[in-house]
Amino acid sequence: MSKGYVIVACGDDYVKQAYLCSLSIKATQTVNNVSLITDRPIDTKYSANFDNVIVNDVTDNGRFRTKLRALVYDLSPYDETIVLDSDTIFTSDVSYYWNLLEDKDLFFPTKVHTYRGNTTDNRYYREVFKKFDLPNTYVAVHYFKKSEIAGIFYSLVKFITGNEKRYYGDILETKKQIDPSFDFTCALAIKMLDIEPLVTRQRSQYPTFIHLKGQNQNWQSGVVNWMSKVPCHIDNDLNVFIGNFKQTGILHYTENDFATQETIQKYEDAVCTM
């Protein structure tokens, strides 16, 4: 069965992030197939590093591109897919995740970590999850295989994204939820189908990722921009340090300023010399 990573990205900034993510996959992973789903052709410099660039011009003006992201099951070229947010990079080989996921048709992490390696369950950004008693699932890194369960799930996700007013109601008027998010949509679909035990693991932290939103770091004072709080350094061997902590696994860095040309160049140099 074919295995690979899929990133959905639209617009210059997000495509650049997806390119950096694809470079980090090529540089660090044993399983390193990666494809991009986007809404228009991209620069050949970027497209050359993807195994596939899949263009779908579905009308989707939402900030989080939920309508296009809902098509990932239909558009993925792989039998087994790990879906990634564009603002992620791989800091070490986690290809063993594929073996951990063999028994799942669909999987979402429920436990994510700070840059210091501690588990965070901070729901600062998830007031609506608590309000509607939704599973604390994350979509920035999630998995599916082409299967009946995953197919039914994504069919419902497509239906929800096509009927936002019906399913979101007045939640979009809350202070922290001004647009439909794919995290919320997927959590809602999981609850409606009553499949949380099938698509999560409550006794295991893996697969998982480091979630670098400022309010997820368990700091005593609220910090929105983590890059203003702690230094970040990537050495020539692609070891990533935040503060004094070396990062491992998948890093969800969340801030556009992380994907500098200097950082991209380091990964380009590494991939070109492999």
Protein backbone atom coordinates (compact mmCIF):
# COMPACT_ATOMS: atom_id res chain seq x y z
CA MET A 1 0.00 0.00 0.00
CA SER A 2 1.24 3.48 -0.87
CA LYS A 3 1.97 5.87 2.01
CA GLY A 4 2.55 9.59 1.93
CA TYR A 5 2.07 13.01 3.43
CA VAL A 6 -0.42 15.53 2.03
CA ILE A 7 -0.40 19.27 2.68
CA VAL A 8 -3.26 21.62 1.73
CA ALA A 9 -1.96 25.14 1.09
CA CYS A 10 -3.25 28.17 -0.82
CA GLY A 11 -1.58 31.56 -1.24
CA ASP A 12 2.09 32.50 -1.38
CA ASP A 13 2.84 32.36 2.36
CA TYR A 14 1.19 28.98 2.91
CA VAL A 15 2.69 27.43 -0.22
CA LYS A 16 6.13 28.60 0.97
CA GLN A 17 5.46 26.95 4.32
CA ALA A 18 4.34 23.76 2.56
CA TYR A 19 7.56 23.80 0.54
CA LEU A 20 9.62 24.09 3.74
CA CYS A 21 7.63 21.22 5.24
CA SER A 22 8.25 19.06 2.18
CA LEU A 23 11.98 19.80 2.36
CA SER A 24 12.04 18.74 6.02
CA ILE A 25 10.26 15.50 5.10
CA LYS A 26 12.74 14.74 2.32
CA ALA A 27 15.65 15.56 4.65
CA THR A 28 14.57 13.53 7.70
CA GLN A 29 12.03 10.82 6.90
CA THR A 30 12.44 7.23 5.75
CA VAL A 31 8.92 7.37 4.32
CA ASN A 32 9.17 10.66 2.47
CA ASN A 33 6.48 10.81 -0.22
CA VAL A 34 4.75 14.20 -0.04
CA SER A 35 2.04 15.84 -2.17
CA LEU A 36 0.50 19.29 -2.23
CA ILE A 37 -3.16 20.17 -2.72
CA THR A 38 -3.68 23.78 -3.76
CA ASP A 39 -6.07 25.99 -5.72
CA ARG A 40 -3.78 27.20 -8.51
CA PRO A 41 -0.46 26.33 -10.21
CA ILE A 42 2.64 27.11 -8.15
CA ASP A 43 6.21 28.14 -8.89
CA THR A 44 8.27 25.36 -10.51
CA LYS A 45 10.94 25.80 -7.83
CA TYR A 46 8.40 24.66 -5.27
CA SER A 47 6.58 22.06 -7.34
CA ALA A 48 9.81 20.15 -8.11
CA ASN A 49 10.08 19.06 -4.47
CA PHE A 50 6.57 17.55 -4.34
CA ASP A 51 5.78 14.13 -5.75
CA ASN A 52 2.40 15.48 -6.84
CA VAL A 53 0.85 18.95 -7.06
CA ILE A 54 -2.92 18.53 -7.17
CA VAL A 55 -4.80 21.65 -8.24
CA ASN A 56 -8.47 21.97 -7.36
CA ASP A 57 -10.09 25.38 -7.79
CA VAL A 58 -13.10 24.78 -5.53
CA THR A 59 -14.51 28.15 -4.47
CA ASP A 60 -13.35 28.65 -0.91
CA ASN A 61 -12.85 32.15 0.43
CA GLY A 62 -12.70 31.07 4.07
CA ARG A 63 -9.61 31.95 6.08
CA PHE A 64 -8.96 28.28 6.93
CA ARG A 65 -9.88 26.82 3.49
CA THR A 66 -12.19 24.25 5.07
CA LYS A 67 -13.94 23.40 1.80
CA LEU A 68 -10.69 22.48 0.07
CA ARG A 69 -9.36 20.67 3.13
CA ALA A 70 -12.57 18.62 3.23
CA LEU A 71 -11.59 17.15 -0.16
CA VAL A 72 -8.29 15.69 1.07
CA TYR A 73 -9.69 12.15 1.27
CA ASP A 74 -10.88 12.30 -2.34
CA LEU A 75 -7.73 13.98 -3.67
CA SER A 76 -4.98 12.13 -1.82
CA PRO A 77 -2.97 9.91 -4.21
CA TYR A 78 -2.03 7.50 -1.38
CA ASP A 79 -3.70 4.47 0.18
CA GLU A 80 -2.54 5.75 3.59
CA THR A 81 -2.19 9.46 4.21
CA ILE A 82 -0.88 11.67 6.99
CA VAL A 83 -2.40 15.12 6.52
CA LEU A 84 -0.30 18.10 7.63
CA ASP A 85 -0.90 21.78 8.22
CA SER A 86 1.47 23.78 6.06
CA ASP A 87 3.20 25.37 9.08
CA THR A 88 4.81 22.14 10.28
CA ILE A 89 8.33 20.77 9.95
CA PHE A 90 9.90 17.43 10.82
CA THR A 91 12.86 17.61 13.18
CA SER A 92 13.59 13.85 13.37
CA ASP A 93 12.48 10.64 11.68
CA VAL A 94 9.00 9.58 12.81
CA SER A 95 8.40 7.06 10.05
CA TYR A 96 7.58 4.53 12.78
CA TYR A 97 4.29 6.42 13.16
CA TRP A 98 3.04 4.54 10.11
CA ASN A 99 3.39 1.25 12.01
CA LEU A 100 1.58 2.72 15.02
CA LEU A 101 -1.31 3.66 12.75
CA GLU A 102 -1.75 0.32 11.00
CA ASP A 103 -4.72 -0.62 13.20
CA LYS A 104 -6.57 2.64 12.50
CA ASP A 105 -8.73 3.72 9.58
CA LEU A 106 -8.70 7.29 10.85
CA PHE A 107 -6.68 8.90 13.64
CA PHE A 108 -6.49 12.28 15.38
CA PRO A 109 -4.09 13.21 18.21
CA THR A 110 -5.73 14.39 21.43
CA LYS A 111 -2.51 15.10 23.33
CA VAL A 112 0.02 17.63 22.05
CA HIS A 113 3.16 19.04 23.62
CA THR A 114 4.95 22.23 24.51
CA TYR A 115 8.42 22.94 23.14
CA ARG A 116 9.74 21.72 26.51
CA GLY A 117 8.15 18.30 25.97
CA ASN A 118 5.30 18.65 28.46
CA THR A 119 1.75 17.67 27.59
CA THR A 120 -0.58 20.63 27.22
CA ASP A 121 -4.35 20.46 27.39
CA ASN A 122 -4.76 24.24 27.31
CA ARG A 123 -8.11 25.04 25.70
CA TYR A 124 -7.59 28.80 25.48
CA TYR A 125 -8.18 28.57 21.74
CA ARG A 126 -11.00 26.02 22.09
CA GLU A 127 -13.83 27.57 24.06
CA VAL A 128 -16.37 26.24 21.58
CA PHE A 129 -15.01 22.70 22.03
CA LYS A 130 -15.83 22.91 25.72
CA LYS A 131 -19.17 24.58 25.09
CA PHE A 132 -20.35 21.80 22.77
CA ASP A 133 -18.53 18.96 24.58
CA LEU A 134 -16.48 18.06 21.51
CA PRO A 135 -13.52 15.66 21.51
CA ASN A 136 -10.21 17.46 21.93
CA THR A 137 -8.88 16.31 18.55
CA TYR A 138 -6.26 18.09 16.45
CA VAL A 139 -6.12 18.11 12.66
CA ALA A 140 -2.67 19.71 12.14
CA VAL A 141 -1.31 16.14 11.94
CA HIS A 142 -3.85 13.40 11.32
CA TYR A 143 -4.11 10.10 9.45
CA PHE A 144 -6.51 8.14 7.30
CA LYS A 145 -6.45 5.13 5.05
CA LYS A 146 -8.84 4.66 2.14
CA SER A 147 -11.56 2.78 4.01
CA GLU A 148 -15.28 2.75 4.72
CA ILE A 149 -14.99 4.59 8.04
CA ALA A 150 -12.72 7.32 6.70
CA GLY A 151 -14.90 7.70 3.61
CA ILE A 152 -18.06 8.15 5.69
CA PHE A 153 -16.29 10.60 7.98
CA TYR A 154 -15.03 12.80 5.16
CA SER A 155 -18.42 12.70 3.43
CA LEU A 156 -19.92 14.20 6.59
CA VAL A 157 -17.08 16.74 6.81
CA LYS A 158 -17.85 17.85 3.25
CA PHE A 159 -21.53 18.14 4.10
CA ILE A 160 -20.81 20.26 7.18
CA THR A 161 -18.47 22.60 5.29
CA GLY A 162 -21.15 23.00 2.62
CA ASN A 163 -23.78 23.91 5.21
CA GLU A 164 -21.87 26.14 7.60
CA LYS A 165 -24.80 28.30 8.71
CA ARG A 166 -26.79 25.23 9.68
CA TYR A 167 -24.01 23.57 11.66
CA TYR A 168 -22.16 26.53 13.10
CA GLY A 169 -25.09 28.71 14.11
CA ASP A 170 -24.01 31.58 16.32
CA ILE A 171 -20.63 30.15 17.34
CA LEU A 172 -18.91 32.21 14.66
CA GLU A 173 -19.83 35.31 16.66
CA THR A 174 -17.73 34.27 19.66
CA LYS A 175 -14.55 36.22 20.28
CA LYS A 176 -12.15 33.39 19.51
CA GLN A 177 -14.03 31.65 16.68
CA ILE A 178 -14.64 34.14 13.90
CA ASP A 179 -14.34 31.67 11.00
CA PRO A 180 -15.22 27.99 10.56
CA SER A 181 -12.13 25.96 11.47
CA PHE A 182 -11.23 22.50 10.27
CA ASP A 183 -10.43 21.45 13.85
CA PHE A 184 -13.99 22.27 14.87
CA THR A 185 -15.54 20.70 11.77
CA CYS A 186 -13.70 17.40 12.26
CA ALA A 187 -14.43 17.29 15.99
CA LEU A 188 -18.11 17.90 15.26
CA ALA A 189 -18.16 15.10 12.67
CA ILE A 190 -16.47 12.71 15.13
CA LYS A 191 -19.11 13.49 17.74
CA MET A 192 -22.02 13.17 15.29
CA LEU A 193 -20.76 9.76 14.13
CA ASP A 194 -19.94 8.71 17.72
CA ILE A 195 -16.55 7.32 16.67
CA GLU A 196 -14.17 9.00 19.13
CA PRO A 197 -12.85 5.67 20.55
CA LEU A 198 -12.16 4.45 17.01
CA VAL A 199 -10.18 7.49 15.89
CA THR A 200 -8.19 8.44 19.02
CA ARG A 201 -5.99 6.81 21.66
CA GLN A 202 -6.62 7.89 25.23
CA ARG A 203 -3.80 5.81 26.74
CA SER A 204 -1.04 6.80 24.35
CA GLN A 205 0.50 10.13 23.46
CA TYR A 206 1.64 8.95 20.03
CA PRO A 207 1.42 9.89 17.24
CA THR A 208 1.59 13.51 18.35
CA PHE A 209 3.27 16.84 17.65
CA ILE A 210 4.68 19.94 19.33
CA HIS A 211 2.06 22.71 19.26
CA LEU A 212 3.74 26.12 19.43
CA LYS A 213 0.81 28.46 19.86
CA GLY A 214 1.82 30.81 22.66
CA GLN A 215 -1.06 30.03 25.00
CA ASN A 216 -0.32 26.30 24.71
CA GLN A 217 3.10 26.56 26.38
CA ASN A 218 1.85 26.49 29.98
CA TRP A 219 3.50 29.83 30.69
CA GLN A 220 2.23 31.72 33.71
CA SER A 221 1.60 34.88 31.72
CA GLY A 222 -0.32 34.80 28.47
CA VAL A 223 1.92 35.05 25.41
CA VAL A 224 0.38 35.07 21.96
CA ASN A 225 3.60 35.24 19.90
CA TRP A 226 6.03 32.57 21.14
CA MET A 227 8.87 33.85 18.95
CA SER A 228 8.90 37.05 21.02
CA LYS A 229 9.37 34.98 24.18
CA VAL A 230 12.05 32.39 23.36
CA PRO A 231 14.88 32.24 20.78
CA CYS A 232 14.87 29.64 18.01
CA HIS A 233 17.94 28.26 16.23
CA ILE A 234 18.46 25.66 13.49
CA ASP A 235 22.04 24.45 13.09
CA ASN A 236 23.67 23.16 9.92
CA ASP A 237 22.71 19.58 10.81
CA LEU A 238 19.06 20.66 10.97
CA ASN A 239 18.85 20.27 14.72
CA VAL A 240 16.11 22.64 15.89
CA PHE A 241 16.47 24.35 19.26
CA ILE A 242 13.82 26.47 20.96
CA GLY A 243 15.33 28.07 24.00
CA ASN A 244 17.68 25.36 25.29
CA PHE A 245 15.40 22.52 24.22
CA LYS A 246 16.24 20.38 21.21
CA GLN A 247 13.06 19.54 19.33
CA THR A 248 12.11 16.08 18.11
CA GLY A 249 9.29 14.79 15.96
CA ILE A 250 6.84 17.12 14.23
CA LEU A 251 6.89 20.81 15.08
CA HIS A 252 3.75 22.89 14.45
CA TYR A 253 5.38 26.31 14.57
CA THR A 254 2.20 28.38 13.80
CA GLU A 255 3.95 31.69 13.03
CA ASN A 256 4.82 32.93 9.53
CA ASP A 257 8.09 34.51 10.69
CA PHE A 258 9.55 31.05 11.36
CA ALA A 259 9.73 30.19 7.64
CA THR A 260 12.56 32.57 6.75
CA GLN A 261 14.63 32.33 3.59
CA GLU A 262 17.64 31.42 5.75
CA THR A 263 15.77 28.46 7.23
CA ILE A 264 14.53 27.35 3.82
CA GLN A 265 18.07 27.57 2.44
CA LYS A 266 19.40 25.23 5.15
CA TYR A 267 16.86 22.59 4.22
CA GLU A 268 17.43 23.11 0.49
CA ASP A 269 21.17 22.60 1.00
CA ALA A 270 20.54 19.41 2.99
CA VAL A 271 18.18 17.92 0.43
CA CYS A 272 20.43 18.82 -2.50
CA THR A 273 23.41 17.03 -0.92
CA MET A 274 21.54 13.80 -0.11
